Amino acid sequence: MHYRLTKLKFIPEYYDQLFRTMDNQKVEMMAIPGVRWIDSIQISKDELMVFAQYEKKEQAEAALPKVAELLGNIKQFLASPPERVNGDVVWTSRS
């Protein structure tokens, strides 16, 4: 498994519009080859951390143009460019 974590700093006044746009893109997000799931958590009043699980690193890398396109659709709600990190699973608590 491979994960991409994306930190989004958003403009709080646009919270509802941000999530409405993300909801409208859900089908496109889940159609990206290799995506198993995408979750986000709110880590401060104006920041989200988005977790995306891919089957393979190569699929995550191949998805970058589509991910950039989808992030472009929410850029007006963001206070700064997204910060991304990614990596393979090295340990899990799951059996």
Protein backbone atom coordinates (compact mmCIF):
# COMPACT_ATOMS: atom_id res chain seq x y z
CA MET A 1 0.00 0.00 0.00
CA HIS A 2 1.06 3.57 -0.70
CA TYR A 3 -0.23 6.75 0.93
CA ARG A 4 -0.29 10.37 -0.09
CA LEU A 5 -0.91 12.91 2.66
CA THR A 6 -1.89 16.40 1.61
CA LYS A 7 -2.09 19.31 4.04
CA LEU A 8 -4.58 21.96 2.95
CA LYS A 9 -4.65 25.39 4.59
CA PHE A 10 -8.03 26.85 3.75
CA ILE A 11 -9.78 30.18 4.19
CA PRO A 12 -12.30 29.54 7.01
CA GLU A 13 -15.03 31.65 5.38
CA TYR A 14 -15.03 29.18 2.47
CA TYR A 15 -15.37 26.02 4.57
CA ASP A 16 -18.81 25.07 3.22
CA GLN A 17 -17.90 25.80 -0.40
CA LEU A 18 -14.69 23.80 -0.05
CA PHE A 19 -16.52 20.70 1.13
CA ARG A 20 -19.34 21.13 -1.37
CA THR A 21 -16.76 21.19 -4.17
CA MET A 22 -14.97 18.16 -2.73
CA ASP A 23 -18.29 16.32 -2.52
CA ASN A 24 -18.99 17.19 -6.17
CA GLN A 25 -15.62 15.68 -7.16
CA LYS A 26 -15.99 12.47 -5.15
CA VAL A 27 -16.83 10.25 -8.13
CA GLU A 28 -13.84 11.60 -10.08
CA MET A 29 -11.54 11.13 -7.08
CA MET A 30 -12.58 7.53 -6.56
CA ALA A 31 -12.22 6.79 -10.29
CA ILE A 32 -8.48 7.49 -10.18
CA PRO A 33 -6.77 4.16 -10.89
CA GLY A 34 -5.35 2.62 -7.74
CA VAL A 35 -7.23 4.79 -5.23
CA ARG A 36 -8.65 2.65 -2.44
CA TRP A 37 -10.00 5.44 -0.24
CA ILE A 38 -9.62 9.11 0.63
CA ASP A 39 -10.29 10.61 4.06
CA SER A 40 -9.63 14.01 5.57
CA ILE A 41 -9.33 15.26 9.12
CA GLN A 42 -9.45 18.81 10.39
CA ILE A 43 -6.22 19.51 12.28
CA SER A 44 -6.85 23.18 13.13
CA LYS A 45 -9.46 25.85 12.51
CA ASP A 46 -8.07 26.39 9.02
CA GLU A 47 -6.22 23.19 8.08
CA LEU A 48 -7.10 19.76 6.79
CA MET A 49 -4.95 16.68 6.34
CA VAL A 50 -6.13 14.50 3.47
CA PHE A 51 -5.12 10.83 3.45
CA ALA A 52 -5.31 8.90 0.18
CA GLN A 53 -4.52 5.19 -0.01
CA TYR A 54 -3.33 3.76 -3.31
CA GLU A 55 -2.63 0.15 -4.20
CA LYS A 56 0.86 0.97 -5.56
CA LYS A 57 3.34 3.84 -5.58
CA GLU A 58 3.34 3.85 -9.38
CA GLN A 59 -0.41 4.48 -9.42
CA ALA A 60 -0.04 7.37 -6.98
CA GLU A 61 2.65 8.89 -9.19
CA ALA A 62 0.57 8.40 -12.34
CA ALA A 63 -2.39 10.08 -10.61
CA LEU A 64 -0.53 13.36 -9.99
CA PRO A 65 -1.90 15.21 -13.05
CA LYS A 66 -5.49 14.30 -12.15
CA VAL A 67 -4.90 15.16 -8.48
CA ALA A 68 -3.48 18.54 -9.53
CA GLU A 69 -6.55 19.15 -11.69
CA LEU A 70 -8.91 18.34 -8.82
CA LEU A 71 -6.93 20.48 -6.37
CA GLY A 72 -7.10 23.28 -8.93
CA ASN A 73 -10.87 23.23 -8.55
CA ILE A 74 -10.55 24.21 -4.87
CA LYS A 75 -7.60 26.61 -5.09
CA GLN A 76 -9.85 29.66 -4.59
CA PHE A 77 -10.71 28.31 -1.12
CA LEU A 78 -7.08 27.74 -0.08
CA ALA A 79 -4.83 30.19 1.77
CA SER A 80 -1.64 28.58 0.45
CA PRO A 81 -0.55 25.82 -1.93
CA PRO A 82 -1.11 22.23 -0.74
CA GLU A 83 1.79 20.47 0.98
CA ARG A 84 2.21 16.81 -0.05
CA VAL A 85 4.19 13.87 1.27
CA ASN A 86 3.89 10.22 0.35
CA GLY A 87 5.28 6.82 1.19
CA ASP A 88 4.80 3.09 1.36
CA VAL A 89 3.40 1.32 4.40
CA VAL A 90 6.23 -0.02 6.56
CA TRP A 91 4.16 -1.16 9.56
CA THR A 92 0.49 -1.76 10.26
CA SER A 93 -1.62 -2.83 13.23
CA ARG A 94 -3.96 -4.68 10.89
CA SER A 95 -3.65 -8.42 10.44
